[in-house]
Amino acid sequence: METKDKKARRPYTIECTEEQLWLIAKAVEDYTRFLAGQCGMNNAMMHTDACRIGSKLENELHKIVTPELPQNASYGWSGSDCPNFHQRKEIAMGYGIYRQIRHYFAMQLEDNDWNVYKSETLTCPEQGPLIKITKQ
């Protein structure tokens, strides 16, 4: 019988367009940053009043999502020091997903300009293996 951990690590394939892949990256980044204490949902804020809404999210939700942290503080990419195991793991996993997508697209750029996403995605044991992206 397969263990729960083995099932969680079984690979799957998703086929999507570039536009869909960018949407996945932006959505997972907002989710990950939200769990880490950066509650502004910056990628989702396309509303004409985005600054006011983002500020309200940051000011009111931060103390609920991350009550242990001072205002404007957040957990790191790996969920460092987050006391909630599940929250810490999802921060780490989410970072690996959105960051690896952004890294993939940065590496497709033909310019030699400096881009933070051209560096390798950081890893930690909680996040599991990084996603693999291939162009069809």
Protein backbone atom coordinates (compact mmCIF):
# COMPACT_ATOMS: atom_id res chain seq x y z
CA MET A 1 0.00 0.00 0.00
CA GLU A 2 1.26 3.48 -0.91
CA THR A 3 1.98 5.86 1.94
CA LYS A 4 0.48 9.35 2.13
CA ASP A 5 3.95 10.90 1.67
CA LYS A 6 4.65 8.78 -1.42
CA LYS A 7 1.31 9.84 -2.97
CA ALA A 8 2.10 13.50 -2.23
CA ARG A 9 5.42 13.20 -4.11
CA ARG A 10 4.00 11.41 -7.18
CA PRO A 11 4.62 13.57 -10.31
CA TYR A 12 1.78 14.93 -12.45
CA THR A 13 1.79 16.80 -15.76
CA ILE A 14 -0.25 19.95 -16.46
CA GLU A 15 -0.54 21.36 -19.95
CA CYS A 16 -1.34 25.06 -20.20
CA THR A 17 -0.67 28.15 -22.27
CA GLU A 18 1.98 30.72 -21.38
CA GLU A 19 -0.77 33.11 -20.30
CA GLN A 20 -2.22 30.45 -17.99
CA LEU A 21 1.22 29.68 -16.56
CA TRP A 22 1.77 33.36 -15.74
CA LEU A 23 -1.65 33.45 -14.02
CA ILE A 24 -0.70 30.38 -11.95
CA ALA A 25 2.57 32.07 -10.92
CA LYS A 26 0.83 35.31 -9.91
CA ALA A 27 -1.96 33.53 -8.01
CA VAL A 28 0.43 31.24 -6.12
CA GLU A 29 2.71 34.20 -5.34
CA ASP A 30 -0.20 36.16 -3.82
CA TYR A 31 -1.30 33.09 -1.81
CA THR A 32 2.24 32.40 -0.59
CA ARG A 33 2.94 36.00 0.37
CA PHE A 34 -0.48 36.20 2.08
CA LEU A 35 0.37 33.18 4.28
CA ALA A 36 3.78 34.71 5.04
CA GLY A 37 2.22 37.98 6.28
CA GLN A 38 2.36 40.08 3.10
CA CYS A 39 -1.41 40.26 2.78
CA GLY A 40 -1.76 42.96 0.09
CA MET A 41 -2.51 40.53 -2.78
CA ASN A 42 -0.47 42.75 -5.11
CA ASN A 43 -0.87 40.61 -8.23
CA ALA A 44 -4.65 40.50 -7.82
CA MET A 45 -5.05 44.24 -7.29
CA MET A 46 -6.27 45.52 -10.66
CA HIS A 47 -9.10 47.55 -9.17
CA THR A 48 -9.03 51.32 -9.63
CA ASP A 49 -8.74 51.63 -5.86
CA ALA A 50 -5.95 49.02 -5.60
CA CYS A 51 -3.69 51.02 -3.26
CA ARG A 52 -6.46 51.60 -0.72
CA ILE A 53 -7.64 47.98 -0.90
CA GLY A 54 -4.09 46.59 -0.62
CA SER A 55 -3.39 48.82 2.34
CA LYS A 56 -6.59 47.71 4.06
CA LEU A 57 -5.71 44.05 3.48
CA GLU A 58 -2.20 44.61 4.88
CA ASN A 59 -3.36 46.54 7.93
CA GLU A 60 -6.37 44.44 8.91
CA LEU A 61 -5.47 40.90 7.88
CA HIS A 62 -1.80 40.82 8.82
CA LYS A 63 -2.57 40.58 12.55
CA ILE A 64 -5.03 37.72 11.91
CA VAL A 65 -2.90 35.69 9.46
CA THR A 66 0.41 36.18 11.31
CA PRO A 67 -0.47 37.26 14.88
CA GLU A 68 3.04 36.43 16.15
CA LEU A 69 4.69 38.98 13.83
CA PRO A 70 4.89 42.75 14.21
CA GLN A 71 3.02 44.82 11.61
CA ASN A 72 4.85 44.89 8.24
CA ALA A 73 6.99 41.85 9.15
CA SER A 74 6.69 38.55 7.31
CA TYR A 75 8.09 35.04 7.31
CA GLY A 76 10.84 34.29 4.79
CA TRP A 77 10.58 32.32 1.55
CA SER A 78 10.85 29.02 3.44
CA GLY A 79 8.30 29.97 6.11
CA SER A 80 11.21 30.42 8.51
CA ASP A 81 10.14 30.52 12.17
CA CYS A 82 6.41 30.16 11.36
CA PRO A 83 5.06 28.14 14.32
CA ASN A 84 2.30 26.52 12.23
CA PHE A 85 3.80 23.53 10.38
CA HIS A 86 1.13 23.47 7.64
CA GLN A 87 1.39 27.22 7.01
CA ARG A 88 5.21 27.04 6.98
CA LYS A 89 5.15 24.13 4.48
CA GLU A 90 2.70 25.90 2.15
CA ILE A 91 4.82 29.07 2.22
CA ALA A 92 7.88 27.03 1.20
CA MET A 93 6.01 25.02 -1.45
CA GLY A 94 4.30 28.09 -2.88
CA TYR A 95 7.59 29.95 -3.13
CA GLY A 96 9.12 27.04 -5.06
CA ILE A 97 6.22 27.00 -7.51
CA TYR A 98 5.86 30.69 -8.36
CA ARG A 99 9.60 31.38 -8.19
CA GLN A 100 10.44 28.48 -10.50
CA ILE A 101 7.89 29.72 -13.09
CA ARG A 102 9.37 33.23 -12.93
CA HIS A 103 12.87 31.73 -13.19
CA TYR A 104 11.86 29.76 -16.28
CA PHE A 105 10.58 32.88 -18.07
CA ALA A 106 13.58 34.98 -16.99
CA MET A 107 15.91 32.41 -18.52
CA GLN A 108 14.06 32.73 -21.85
CA LEU A 109 15.00 36.41 -22.10
CA GLU A 110 17.67 37.10 -24.68
CA ASP A 111 19.06 40.18 -22.96
CA ASN A 112 21.99 40.11 -20.58
CA ASP A 113 20.37 42.50 -18.13
CA TRP A 114 20.45 41.62 -14.45
CA ASN A 115 17.22 39.97 -13.33
CA VAL A 116 16.74 38.53 -9.85
CA TYR A 117 14.76 35.63 -11.34
CA LYS A 118 17.75 34.45 -13.40
CA SER A 119 19.35 33.07 -10.22
CA GLU A 120 18.41 29.56 -9.12
CA THR A 121 15.30 29.06 -6.99
CA LEU A 122 16.12 28.46 -3.32
CA THR A 123 15.15 25.10 -1.88
CA CYS A 124 14.43 23.59 1.52
CA PRO A 125 13.26 20.15 2.68
CA GLU A 126 9.66 21.28 3.41
CA GLN A 127 8.90 22.31 -0.16
CA GLY A 128 9.73 19.03 -1.86
CA PRO A 129 11.08 18.92 -5.42
CA LEU A 130 10.91 22.00 -7.63
CA ILE A 131 8.44 21.95 -10.50
CA LYS A 132 9.76 21.25 -13.99
CA ILE A 133 8.64 23.37 -16.93
CA THR A 134 9.10 22.43 -20.57
CA LYS A 135 7.82 24.23 -23.64
CA GLN A 136 5.85 22.02 -26.07
